[in-house]
Amino acid sequence: MFLRRTRSNGWIKSKDRLVAFSAIAKQFHELWPQSSYLAGLWRHQLPQALLWEPVRSRQRPRPSKYRGPSWSWAAMDGEVKAFCGNSKGCLCTIAELQVDLKNPEHPFGEVTGGLLVLSAIIQIAAWDADKMELFEKDSSNRALVLSSNEDSQNGEIGYAIADAVEVSSAVCDIFVAVIRDTGRLGPRYLG
């Protein structure tokens, strides 16, 4: 992946990721003229393109300076693995999506904001940032294990992958959106 090669060689500063990819995005737009480019993701590949994930198992803190919406890979430092697949098993739809461009004359460049509204199944879960584990809460408010390891064979009903370490490392309640049924381990979540 181009992002891995350029990042490891230090060719691209993290804050310039979208700018660095703008020429490539412009070329792809010639292949997909009916689609729009939204902070590093293509509209026609959504919602499944939201399932990108960091390559490293240990997440980094969120950058202090805004780079892109949290749902875009451009918002974080480090290498990412893009989701490659079709929309089979998607359990949500995009209700609203917009990106605020820094310069409207550069539709493939920097952004200053973004909004994503999903129509999805939402559930409350407990997140343990230290152990990178997600727990489903039952009606008695007890935590049930949801593995964050995609390859786990323990019969979990789903998994989640954090894009960055949050300020708090304590176990906390979060809301997760069910994005895709993987067929193998159950739903994949976007927290």
N, C-alpha and C. Protein backbone atom coordinates (compact mmCIF):
# COMPACT_ATOMS: atom_id res chain seq x y z
N MET A 1 0.84 -1.17 0.00
CA MET A 1 0.00 0.00 0.00
C MET A 1 0.89 1.24 0.00
N PHE A 2 0.56 2.21 -0.80
CA PHE A 2 1.33 3.45 -0.93
C PHE A 2 1.49 4.15 0.42
N LEU A 3 0.44 4.18 1.20
CA LEU A 3 0.50 4.86 2.50
C LEU A 3 1.57 4.24 3.40
N ARG A 4 1.69 2.93 3.39
CA ARG A 4 2.69 2.26 4.22
C ARG A 4 4.09 2.66 3.75
N ARG A 5 4.35 2.62 2.47
CA ARG A 5 5.67 2.92 1.95
C ARG A 5 6.06 4.37 2.22
N THR A 6 5.19 5.29 1.96
CA THR A 6 5.52 6.70 2.16
C THR A 6 5.65 7.03 3.63
N ARG A 7 4.81 6.46 4.45
CA ARG A 7 4.84 6.75 5.88
C ARG A 7 6.12 6.22 6.52
N SER A 8 6.51 5.00 6.18
CA SER A 8 7.69 4.43 6.81
C SER A 8 8.97 5.11 6.35
N ASN A 9 8.96 5.69 5.17
CA ASN A 9 10.14 6.41 4.69
C ASN A 9 10.12 7.88 5.07
N GLY A 10 9.05 8.32 5.71
CA GLY A 10 8.97 9.70 6.16
C GLY A 10 8.73 10.70 5.04
N TRP A 11 8.26 10.26 3.90
CA TRP A 11 8.03 11.17 2.78
C TRP A 11 6.85 12.09 3.03
N ILE A 12 5.89 11.62 3.80
CA ILE A 12 4.67 12.39 4.03
C ILE A 12 4.56 12.72 5.49
N LYS A 13 4.35 13.99 5.79
CA LYS A 13 4.06 14.38 7.17
C LYS A 13 2.59 14.03 7.43
N SER A 14 2.30 13.58 8.63
CA SER A 14 0.94 13.13 8.95
C SER A 14 -0.11 14.17 8.62
N LYS A 15 0.19 15.44 8.86
CA LYS A 15 -0.80 16.49 8.62
C LYS A 15 -1.07 16.68 7.13
N ASP A 16 -0.20 16.17 6.27
CA ASP A 16 -0.34 16.35 4.83
C ASP A 16 -0.87 15.12 4.10
N ARG A 17 -1.43 14.18 4.81
CA ARG A 17 -1.85 12.93 4.17
C ARG A 17 -2.85 13.14 3.05
N LEU A 18 -3.89 13.93 3.30
CA LEU A 18 -4.89 14.15 2.25
C LEU A 18 -4.30 14.91 1.06
N VAL A 19 -3.45 15.88 1.34
CA VAL A 19 -2.81 16.63 0.26
C VAL A 19 -1.93 15.70 -0.56
N ALA A 20 -1.17 14.83 0.11
CA ALA A 20 -0.27 13.91 -0.59
C ALA A 20 -1.05 12.95 -1.49
N PHE A 21 -2.23 12.56 -1.08
CA PHE A 21 -3.02 11.63 -1.87
C PHE A 21 -3.95 12.31 -2.87
N SER A 22 -3.97 13.61 -2.90
CA SER A 22 -4.93 14.32 -3.75
C SER A 22 -4.73 14.02 -5.24
N ALA A 23 -3.50 13.90 -5.69
CA ALA A 23 -3.26 13.60 -7.12
C ALA A 23 -3.75 12.20 -7.47
N ILE A 24 -3.55 11.26 -6.54
CA ILE A 24 -4.03 9.89 -6.76
C ILE A 24 -5.56 9.88 -6.77
N ALA A 25 -6.16 10.58 -5.82
CA ALA A 25 -7.62 10.65 -5.76
C ALA A 25 -8.19 11.27 -7.03
N LYS A 26 -7.53 12.28 -7.54
CA LYS A 26 -7.99 12.92 -8.78
C LYS A 26 -7.99 11.92 -9.94
N GLN A 27 -6.97 11.08 -10.00
CA GLN A 27 -6.91 10.05 -11.05
C GLN A 27 -8.04 9.03 -10.89
N PHE A 28 -8.30 8.62 -9.66
CA PHE A 28 -9.40 7.69 -9.44
C PHE A 28 -10.75 8.32 -9.76
N HIS A 29 -10.87 9.61 -9.57
CA HIS A 29 -12.13 10.28 -9.88
C HIS A 29 -12.45 10.19 -11.37
N GLU A 30 -11.42 10.09 -12.20
CA GLU A 30 -11.66 9.89 -13.64
C GLU A 30 -12.30 8.53 -13.90
N LEU A 31 -11.98 7.54 -13.06
CA LEU A 31 -12.59 6.21 -13.18
C LEU A 31 -13.98 6.17 -12.56
N TRP A 32 -14.18 6.97 -11.53
CA TRP A 32 -15.45 6.99 -10.79
C TRP A 32 -16.04 8.40 -10.80
N PRO A 33 -16.40 8.95 -11.95
CA PRO A 33 -16.86 10.34 -12.00
C PRO A 33 -18.17 10.60 -11.26
N GLN A 34 -18.98 9.56 -11.04
CA GLN A 34 -20.25 9.74 -10.35
C GLN A 34 -20.10 9.72 -8.83
N SER A 35 -18.92 9.36 -8.34
CA SER A 35 -18.70 9.26 -6.90
C SER A 35 -18.00 10.51 -6.39
N SER A 36 -18.16 10.78 -5.10
CA SER A 36 -17.44 11.91 -4.50
C SER A 36 -16.41 11.39 -3.52
N TYR A 37 -15.35 12.17 -3.37
CA TYR A 37 -14.25 11.86 -2.48
C TYR A 37 -14.46 12.64 -1.19
N LEU A 38 -14.53 11.93 -0.08
CA LEU A 38 -14.91 12.53 1.19
C LEU A 38 -13.85 12.23 2.24
N ALA A 39 -12.88 13.12 2.36
CA ALA A 39 -11.82 12.99 3.37
C ALA A 39 -11.11 11.64 3.30
N GLY A 40 -10.81 11.19 2.08
CA GLY A 40 -10.07 9.95 1.90
C GLY A 40 -10.90 8.73 1.59
N LEU A 41 -12.21 8.85 1.61
CA LEU A 41 -13.10 7.72 1.30
C LEU A 41 -13.98 8.07 0.11
N TRP A 42 -14.36 7.07 -0.66
CA TRP A 42 -15.24 7.28 -1.82
C TRP A 42 -16.67 6.95 -1.44
N ARG A 43 -17.59 7.82 -1.81
CA ARG A 43 -19.01 7.65 -1.45
C ARG A 43 -19.56 6.30 -1.91
N HIS A 44 -19.21 5.87 -3.11
CA HIS A 44 -19.78 4.62 -3.62
C HIS A 44 -19.26 3.38 -2.87
N GLN A 45 -18.23 3.54 -2.06
CA GLN A 45 -17.69 2.42 -1.29
C GLN A 45 -18.19 2.41 0.16
N LEU A 46 -19.06 3.35 0.48
CA LEU A 46 -19.61 3.44 1.83
C LEU A 46 -20.88 2.61 1.94
N PRO A 47 -21.21 2.08 3.08
CA PRO A 47 -20.58 2.28 4.38
C PRO A 47 -19.40 1.36 4.66
N GLN A 48 -19.18 0.32 3.83
CA GLN A 48 -18.13 -0.64 4.15
C GLN A 48 -16.73 -0.04 4.20
N ALA A 49 -16.48 1.08 3.53
CA ALA A 49 -15.16 1.73 3.59
C ALA A 49 -14.88 2.33 4.97
N LEU A 50 -15.89 2.42 5.82
CA LEU A 50 -15.69 2.90 7.19
C LEU A 50 -14.93 1.87 8.03
N LEU A 51 -14.79 0.66 7.53
CA LEU A 51 -14.18 -0.42 8.30
C LEU A 51 -12.67 -0.51 8.14
N TRP A 52 -12.01 0.60 7.86
CA TRP A 52 -10.54 0.63 7.84
C TRP A 52 -10.06 0.42 9.28
N GLU A 53 -8.81 0.04 9.42
CA GLU A 53 -8.27 -0.17 10.76
C GLU A 53 -6.77 0.10 10.79
N PRO A 54 -6.25 0.45 11.97
CA PRO A 54 -4.81 0.65 12.10
C PRO A 54 -4.07 -0.67 11.90
N VAL A 55 -2.88 -0.61 11.32
CA VAL A 55 -2.09 -1.82 11.10
C VAL A 55 -1.47 -2.31 12.40
N ARG A 56 -0.98 -1.43 13.20
CA ARG A 56 -0.32 -1.80 14.46
C ARG A 56 -1.36 -2.17 15.50
N SER A 57 -1.02 -3.15 16.35
CA SER A 57 -1.96 -3.57 17.38
C SER A 57 -2.10 -2.53 18.48
N ARG A 58 -1.06 -1.76 18.74
CA ARG A 58 -1.12 -0.72 19.76
C ARG A 58 -1.51 0.60 19.11
N GLN A 59 -2.63 1.14 19.51
CA GLN A 59 -3.10 2.40 18.95
C GLN A 59 -2.31 3.57 19.52
N ARG A 60 -2.31 4.65 18.78
CA ARG A 60 -1.64 5.87 19.19
C ARG A 60 -2.68 6.86 19.68
N PRO A 61 -2.23 7.88 20.42
CA PRO A 61 -3.19 8.92 20.82
C PRO A 61 -3.69 9.67 19.59
N ARG A 62 -4.87 10.23 19.71
CA ARG A 62 -5.37 11.06 18.61
C ARG A 62 -4.45 12.26 18.45
N PRO A 63 -4.20 12.68 17.21
CA PRO A 63 -3.38 13.88 17.01
C PRO A 63 -4.03 15.09 17.67
N SER A 64 -3.22 16.00 18.17
CA SER A 64 -3.76 17.19 18.84
C SER A 64 -4.36 18.18 17.85
N LYS A 65 -3.87 18.18 16.61
CA LYS A 65 -4.39 19.09 15.59
C LYS A 65 -5.32 18.32 14.65
N TYR A 66 -6.44 18.94 14.30
CA TYR A 66 -7.44 18.31 13.44
C TYR A 66 -6.87 18.02 12.06
N ARG A 67 -7.11 16.80 11.56
CA ARG A 67 -6.66 16.40 10.22
C ARG A 67 -7.81 15.91 9.35
N GLY A 68 -8.85 15.45 10.01
CA GLY A 68 -9.98 14.91 9.27
C GLY A 68 -11.00 14.35 10.25
N PRO A 69 -12.19 14.03 9.75
CA PRO A 69 -13.23 13.47 10.62
C PRO A 69 -12.78 12.14 11.21
N SER A 70 -13.26 11.81 12.38
CA SER A 70 -12.84 10.59 13.08
C SER A 70 -13.16 9.33 12.29
N TRP A 71 -14.11 9.38 11.38
CA TRP A 71 -14.47 8.21 10.59
C TRP A 71 -13.54 8.01 9.39
N SER A 72 -12.61 8.90 9.18
CA SER A 72 -11.66 8.80 8.07
C SER A 72 -10.27 8.39 8.58
N TRP A 73 -9.57 7.60 7.79
CA TRP A 73 -8.20 7.22 8.12
C TRP A 73 -7.29 8.44 8.19
N ALA A 74 -7.66 9.52 7.56
CA ALA A 74 -6.84 10.74 7.54
C ALA A 74 -6.76 11.39 8.92
N ALA A 75 -7.64 11.02 9.84
CA ALA A 75 -7.68 11.63 11.16
C ALA A 75 -6.61 11.11 12.11
N MET A 76 -5.94 10.04 11.74
CA MET A 76 -4.99 9.42 12.66
C MET A 76 -3.59 9.30 12.07
N ASP A 77 -2.62 9.05 12.93
CA ASP A 77 -1.26 8.79 12.50
C ASP A 77 -1.08 7.30 12.28
N GLY A 78 -0.07 6.94 11.52
CA GLY A 78 0.28 5.54 11.35
C GLY A 78 -0.34 4.91 10.13
N GLU A 79 0.06 3.67 9.91
CA GLU A 79 -0.41 2.91 8.76
C GLU A 79 -1.83 2.42 8.98
N VAL A 80 -2.57 2.28 7.89
CA VAL A 80 -3.94 1.75 7.97
C VAL A 80 -4.11 0.63 6.96
N LYS A 81 -5.06 -0.24 7.27
CA LYS A 81 -5.45 -1.30 6.37
C LYS A 81 -6.87 -0.99 5.92
N ALA A 82 -7.05 -0.83 4.64
CA ALA A 82 -8.37 -0.53 4.11
C ALA A 82 -9.20 -1.80 4.03
N PHE A 83 -10.51 -1.64 4.19
CA PHE A 83 -11.42 -2.77 4.02
C PHE A 83 -11.63 -2.97 2.53
N CYS A 84 -11.42 -4.16 2.06
CA CYS A 84 -11.65 -4.48 0.65
C CYS A 84 -12.75 -5.53 0.60
N GLY A 85 -13.85 -5.17 0.03
CA GLY A 85 -14.95 -6.11 -0.05
C GLY A 85 -16.18 -5.42 -0.60
N ASN A 86 -17.25 -6.17 -0.64
CA ASN A 86 -18.49 -5.61 -1.17
C ASN A 86 -19.43 -5.25 -0.02
N SER A 87 -20.62 -4.84 -0.37
CA SER A 87 -21.56 -4.39 0.65
C SER A 87 -22.37 -5.55 1.25
N LYS A 88 -22.07 -6.79 0.87
CA LYS A 88 -22.79 -7.93 1.43
C LYS A 88 -22.60 -7.96 2.94
N GLY A 89 -23.67 -8.06 3.65
CA GLY A 89 -23.61 -8.12 5.10
C GLY A 89 -23.67 -6.77 5.79
N CYS A 90 -23.71 -5.66 5.02
CA CYS A 90 -23.79 -4.34 5.65
C CYS A 90 -25.14 -4.19 6.34
N LEU A 91 -25.09 -3.75 7.58
CA LEU A 91 -26.30 -3.63 8.38
C LEU A 91 -26.63 -2.18 8.69
N CYS A 92 -26.06 -1.26 7.92
CA CYS A 92 -26.35 0.15 8.15
C CYS A 92 -26.36 0.87 6.80
N THR A 93 -26.89 2.07 6.82
CA THR A 93 -26.87 2.92 5.63
C THR A 93 -26.42 4.32 6.02
N ILE A 94 -25.96 5.06 5.04
CA ILE A 94 -25.54 6.43 5.27
C ILE A 94 -26.79 7.32 5.17
N ALA A 95 -27.14 7.99 6.26
CA ALA A 95 -28.29 8.89 6.27
C ALA A 95 -27.87 10.29 5.83
N GLU A 96 -26.70 10.72 6.26
CA GLU A 96 -26.20 12.05 5.90
C GLU A 96 -24.68 12.02 5.94
N LEU A 97 -24.06 12.71 4.97
CA LEU A 97 -22.60 12.75 4.92
C LEU A 97 -22.17 14.03 4.24
N GLN A 98 -21.28 14.74 4.90
CA GLN A 98 -20.73 15.95 4.28
C GLN A 98 -19.32 16.18 4.78
N VAL A 99 -18.53 16.84 3.96
CA VAL A 99 -17.16 17.20 4.30
C VAL A 99 -16.98 18.67 4.00
N ASP A 100 -16.34 19.39 4.91
CA ASP A 100 -16.04 20.80 4.71
C ASP A 100 -14.60 20.90 4.21
N LEU A 101 -14.46 21.38 2.99
CA LEU A 101 -13.13 21.51 2.38
C LEU A 101 -12.43 22.78 2.84
N LYS A 102 -11.13 22.70 3.04
CA LYS A 102 -10.36 23.89 3.39
C LYS A 102 -10.38 24.87 2.22
N ASN A 103 -10.28 24.32 1.01
CA ASN A 103 -10.33 25.14 -0.20
C ASN A 103 -11.26 24.44 -1.19
N PRO A 104 -12.44 25.03 -1.47
CA PRO A 104 -13.40 24.39 -2.37
C PRO A 104 -12.86 24.12 -3.78
N GLU A 105 -11.79 24.82 -4.16
CA GLU A 105 -11.18 24.57 -5.47
C GLU A 105 -10.33 23.31 -5.48
N HIS A 106 -10.12 22.71 -4.31
CA HIS A 106 -9.32 21.49 -4.19
C HIS A 106 -10.16 20.40 -3.51
N PRO A 107 -11.06 19.75 -4.27
CA PRO A 107 -11.98 18.77 -3.68
C PRO A 107 -11.31 17.50 -3.15
N PHE A 108 -10.03 17.29 -3.47
CA PHE A 108 -9.32 16.10 -3.01
C PHE A 108 -8.27 16.43 -1.95
N GLY A 109 -8.30 17.66 -1.44
CA GLY A 109 -7.28 18.11 -0.49
C GLY A 109 -7.75 18.14 0.95
N GLU A 110 -7.19 19.07 1.71
CA GLU A 110 -7.45 19.18 3.14
C GLU A 110 -8.92 19.47 3.45
N VAL A 111 -9.34 19.00 4.63
CA VAL A 111 -10.70 19.26 5.10
C VAL A 111 -10.64 19.94 6.47
N THR A 112 -11.69 20.69 6.77
CA THR A 112 -11.76 21.37 8.06
C THR A 112 -12.86 20.81 8.96
N GLY A 113 -13.66 19.92 8.42
CA GLY A 113 -14.73 19.32 9.21
C GLY A 113 -15.46 18.25 8.41
N GLY A 114 -16.29 17.51 9.08
CA GLY A 114 -17.06 16.48 8.42
C GLY A 114 -18.18 15.99 9.31
N LEU A 115 -19.22 15.47 8.68
CA LEU A 115 -20.39 14.97 9.40
C LEU A 115 -20.79 13.65 8.77
N LEU A 116 -21.02 12.65 9.61
CA LEU A 116 -21.50 11.36 9.16
C LEU A 116 -22.64 10.94 10.07
N VAL A 117 -23.79 10.66 9.49
CA VAL A 117 -24.94 10.15 10.23
C VAL A 117 -25.30 8.80 9.63
N LEU A 118 -25.29 7.78 10.47
CA LEU A 118 -25.63 6.43 10.03
C LEU A 118 -27.04 6.08 10.49
N SER A 119 -27.71 5.30 9.69
CA SER A 119 -28.93 4.63 10.12
C SER A 119 -28.48 3.22 10.44
N ALA A 120 -28.38 2.91 11.75
CA ALA A 120 -27.77 1.66 12.17
C ALA A 120 -28.36 1.16 13.47
N ILE A 121 -28.08 -0.09 13.77
CA ILE A 121 -28.42 -0.66 15.06
C ILE A 121 -27.37 -0.14 16.04
N ILE A 122 -27.83 0.45 17.13
CA ILE A 122 -26.93 0.99 18.14
C ILE A 122 -27.11 0.19 19.42
N GLN A 123 -26.01 -0.12 20.07
CA GLN A 123 -26.11 -0.76 21.37
C GLN A 123 -25.03 -0.22 22.29
N ILE A 124 -25.31 -0.30 23.57
CA ILE A 124 -24.34 0.16 24.56
C ILE A 124 -23.39 -1.00 24.85
N ALA A 125 -22.14 -0.64 25.06
CA ALA A 125 -21.12 -1.64 25.37
C ALA A 125 -20.14 -1.05 26.37
N ALA A 126 -19.38 -1.90 27.01
CA ALA A 126 -18.31 -1.46 27.91
C ALA A 126 -16.99 -1.64 27.16
N TRP A 127 -16.14 -0.61 27.18
CA TRP A 127 -14.87 -0.63 26.47
C TRP A 127 -13.74 -0.58 27.48
N ASP A 128 -12.84 -1.55 27.41
CA ASP A 128 -11.65 -1.58 28.25
C ASP A 128 -10.47 -1.21 27.35
N ALA A 129 -10.05 0.05 27.41
CA ALA A 129 -9.00 0.55 26.52
C ALA A 129 -7.66 -0.10 26.81
N ASP A 130 -7.38 -0.44 28.06
CA ASP A 130 -6.11 -1.08 28.40
C ASP A 130 -5.96 -2.44 27.74
N LYS A 131 -7.02 -3.23 27.78
CA LYS A 131 -6.97 -4.59 27.22
C LYS A 131 -7.48 -4.65 25.79
N MET A 132 -7.96 -3.52 25.27
CA MET A 132 -8.52 -3.45 23.92
C MET A 132 -9.65 -4.45 23.74
N GLU A 133 -10.55 -4.53 24.73
CA GLU A 133 -11.66 -5.45 24.68
C GLU A 133 -12.98 -4.71 24.78
N LEU A 134 -13.96 -5.25 24.10
CA LEU A 134 -15.30 -4.69 24.08
C LEU A 134 -16.24 -5.71 24.70
N PHE A 135 -17.12 -5.24 25.60
CA PHE A 135 -18.05 -6.13 26.29
C PHE A 135 -19.47 -5.66 26.03
N GLU A 136 -20.31 -6.58 25.60
CA GLU A 136 -21.73 -6.28 25.45
C GLU A 136 -22.34 -6.25 26.85
N LYS A 137 -23.32 -5.37 27.03
CA LYS A 137 -24.01 -5.30 28.32
C LYS A 137 -25.37 -5.96 28.17
N ASP A 138 -25.70 -6.82 29.12
CA ASP A 138 -27.01 -7.47 29.07
C ASP A 138 -28.03 -6.64 29.85
N SER A 139 -29.25 -7.13 29.96
CA SER A 139 -30.32 -6.37 30.61
C SER A 139 -30.04 -6.11 32.09
N SER A 140 -29.18 -6.89 32.72
CA SER A 140 -28.81 -6.68 34.13
C SER A 140 -27.57 -5.81 34.27
N ASN A 141 -27.12 -5.20 33.17
CA ASN A 141 -25.95 -4.34 33.13
C ASN A 141 -24.64 -5.10 33.40
N ARG A 142 -24.66 -6.44 33.16
CA ARG A 142 -23.44 -7.24 33.27
C ARG A 142 -22.74 -7.25 31.93
N ALA A 143 -21.42 -7.30 31.96
CA ALA A 143 -20.64 -7.29 30.73
C ALA A 143 -20.46 -8.70 30.19
N LEU A 144 -20.70 -8.86 28.90
CA LEU A 144 -20.47 -10.12 28.19
C LEU A 144 -19.36 -9.86 27.18
N VAL A 145 -18.43 -10.79 27.02
CA VAL A 145 -17.25 -10.55 26.17
C VAL A 145 -17.63 -10.46 24.69
N LEU A 146 -17.13 -9.40 24.05
CA LEU A 146 -17.11 -9.27 22.60
C LEU A 146 -15.63 -9.12 22.27
N SER A 147 -15.06 -10.00 21.52
CA SER A 147 -13.62 -9.97 21.30
C SER A 147 -13.22 -8.85 20.36
N SER A 148 -12.05 -8.24 20.60
CA SER A 148 -11.49 -7.28 19.67
C SER A 148 -10.54 -7.98 18.72
N ASN A 149 -10.41 -9.29 18.84
CA ASN A 149 -9.52 -10.07 18.00
C ASN A 149 -10.34 -10.79 16.94
N GLU A 150 -10.15 -10.39 15.68
CA GLU A 150 -10.93 -10.95 14.57
C GLU A 150 -10.74 -12.45 14.43
N ASP A 151 -9.59 -12.98 14.80
CA ASP A 151 -9.29 -14.39 14.60
C ASP A 151 -9.66 -15.27 15.79
N SER A 152 -10.29 -14.70 16.80
CA SER A 152 -10.66 -15.47 17.98
C SER A 152 -11.66 -16.55 17.61
N GLN A 153 -11.54 -17.69 18.25
CA GLN A 153 -12.44 -18.82 18.00
C GLN A 153 -13.29 -19.12 19.23
N ASN A 154 -13.46 -18.15 20.11
CA ASN A 154 -14.16 -18.39 21.37
C ASN A 154 -15.66 -18.19 21.30
N GLY A 155 -16.23 -18.07 20.12
CA GLY A 155 -17.67 -17.95 19.99
C GLY A 155 -18.22 -16.57 20.27
N GLU A 156 -17.38 -15.54 20.20
CA GLU A 156 -17.87 -14.19 20.43
C GLU A 156 -18.85 -13.80 19.32
N ILE A 157 -19.70 -12.86 19.62
CA ILE A 157 -20.70 -12.45 18.63
C ILE A 157 -20.23 -11.29 17.77
N GLY A 158 -19.06 -10.75 18.02
CA GLY A 158 -18.56 -9.65 17.20
C GLY A 158 -17.24 -9.13 17.70
N TYR A 159 -16.73 -8.12 17.01
CA TYR A 159 -15.47 -7.51 17.44
C TYR A 159 -15.44 -6.05 17.02
N ALA A 160 -14.53 -5.33 17.65
CA ALA A 160 -14.36 -3.91 17.36
C ALA A 160 -12.87 -3.61 17.33
N ILE A 161 -12.49 -2.61 16.58
CA ILE A 161 -11.10 -2.19 16.50
C ILE A 161 -11.05 -0.70 16.78
N ALA A 162 -10.25 -0.31 17.77
CA ALA A 162 -10.12 1.11 18.11
C ALA A 162 -9.16 1.77 17.12
N ASP A 163 -9.46 2.99 16.72
CA ASP A 163 -8.57 3.71 15.82
C ASP A 163 -7.50 4.49 16.57
N ALA A 164 -7.75 4.82 17.83
CA ALA A 164 -6.79 5.58 18.62
C ALA A 164 -7.07 5.36 20.10
N VAL A 165 -6.08 5.58 20.91
CA VAL A 165 -6.24 5.50 22.35
C VAL A 165 -6.87 6.79 22.83
N GLU A 166 -7.91 6.68 23.59
CA GLU A 166 -8.57 7.85 24.13
C GLU A 166 -7.83 8.31 25.39
N VAL A 167 -8.16 9.48 25.87
CA VAL A 167 -7.51 10.05 27.04
C VAL A 167 -7.69 9.14 28.25
N SER A 168 -8.89 8.64 28.46
CA SER A 168 -9.16 7.79 29.61
C SER A 168 -8.79 6.36 29.28
N SER A 169 -8.13 5.69 30.22
CA SER A 169 -7.82 4.28 30.01
C SER A 169 -8.71 3.39 30.87
N ALA A 170 -9.67 3.99 31.57
CA ALA A 170 -10.58 3.23 32.42
C ALA A 170 -11.64 2.54 31.56
N VAL A 171 -12.25 1.54 32.13
CA VAL A 171 -13.37 0.89 31.46
C VAL A 171 -14.53 1.89 31.46
N CYS A 172 -15.14 2.08 30.31
CA CYS A 172 -16.24 3.03 30.22
C CYS A 172 -17.31 2.51 29.27
N ASP A 173 -18.51 3.05 29.42
CA ASP A 173 -19.60 2.70 28.53
C ASP A 173 -19.50 3.53 27.26
N ILE A 174 -19.69 2.88 26.12
CA ILE A 174 -19.72 3.56 24.84
C ILE A 174 -20.91 3.05 24.04
N PHE A 175 -21.29 3.78 23.02
CA PHE A 175 -22.31 3.32 22.09
C PHE A 175 -21.59 2.83 20.84
N VAL A 176 -21.99 1.68 20.33
CA VAL A 176 -21.40 1.14 19.11
C VAL A 176 -22.49 0.96 18.07
N ALA A 177 -22.12 1.21 16.83
CA ALA A 177 -23.03 0.99 15.71
C ALA A 177 -22.64 -0.32 15.04
N VAL A 178 -23.62 -1.18 14.81
CA VAL A 178 -23.36 -2.43 14.11
C VAL A 178 -23.25 -2.08 12.62
N ILE A 179 -22.06 -2.33 12.05
CA ILE A 179 -21.80 -1.94 10.67
C ILE A 179 -21.97 -3.09 9.70
N ARG A 180 -21.42 -4.24 10.04
CA ARG A 180 -21.38 -5.33 9.07
C ARG A 180 -21.43 -6.67 9.78
N ASP A 181 -22.17 -7.61 9.20
CA ASP A 181 -22.16 -8.98 9.68
C ASP A 181 -21.08 -9.70 8.90
N THR A 182 -20.03 -10.12 9.59
CA THR A 182 -18.91 -10.76 8.91
C THR A 182 -19.21 -12.20 8.53
N GLY A 183 -20.30 -12.76 9.07
CA GLY A 183 -20.66 -14.13 8.76
C GLY A 183 -19.85 -15.14 9.56
N ARG A 184 -18.63 -14.78 9.94
CA ARG A 184 -17.76 -15.69 10.67
C ARG A 184 -17.86 -15.48 12.17
N LEU A 185 -17.70 -14.25 12.58
CA LEU A 185 -17.71 -13.96 14.02
C LEU A 185 -18.85 -13.04 14.42
N GLY A 186 -19.74 -12.78 13.52
CA GLY A 186 -20.84 -11.90 13.86
C GLY A 186 -20.55 -10.46 13.46
N PRO A 187 -21.24 -9.52 14.06
CA PRO A 187 -21.15 -8.12 13.64
C PRO A 187 -19.78 -7.49 13.86
N ARG A 188 -19.50 -6.49 13.07
CA ARG A 188 -18.32 -5.66 13.26
C ARG A 188 -18.83 -4.30 13.67
N TYR A 189 -18.21 -3.69 14.67
CA TYR A 189 -18.73 -2.48 15.28
C TYR A 189 -17.89 -1.27 14.95
N LEU A 190 -18.54 -0.12 14.92
CA LEU A 190 -17.89 1.17 14.82
C LEU A 190 -18.23 1.91 16.09
N GLY A 191 -17.21 2.18 16.93
CA GLY A 191 -17.45 2.79 18.24
C GLY A 191 -17.26 4.28 18.21
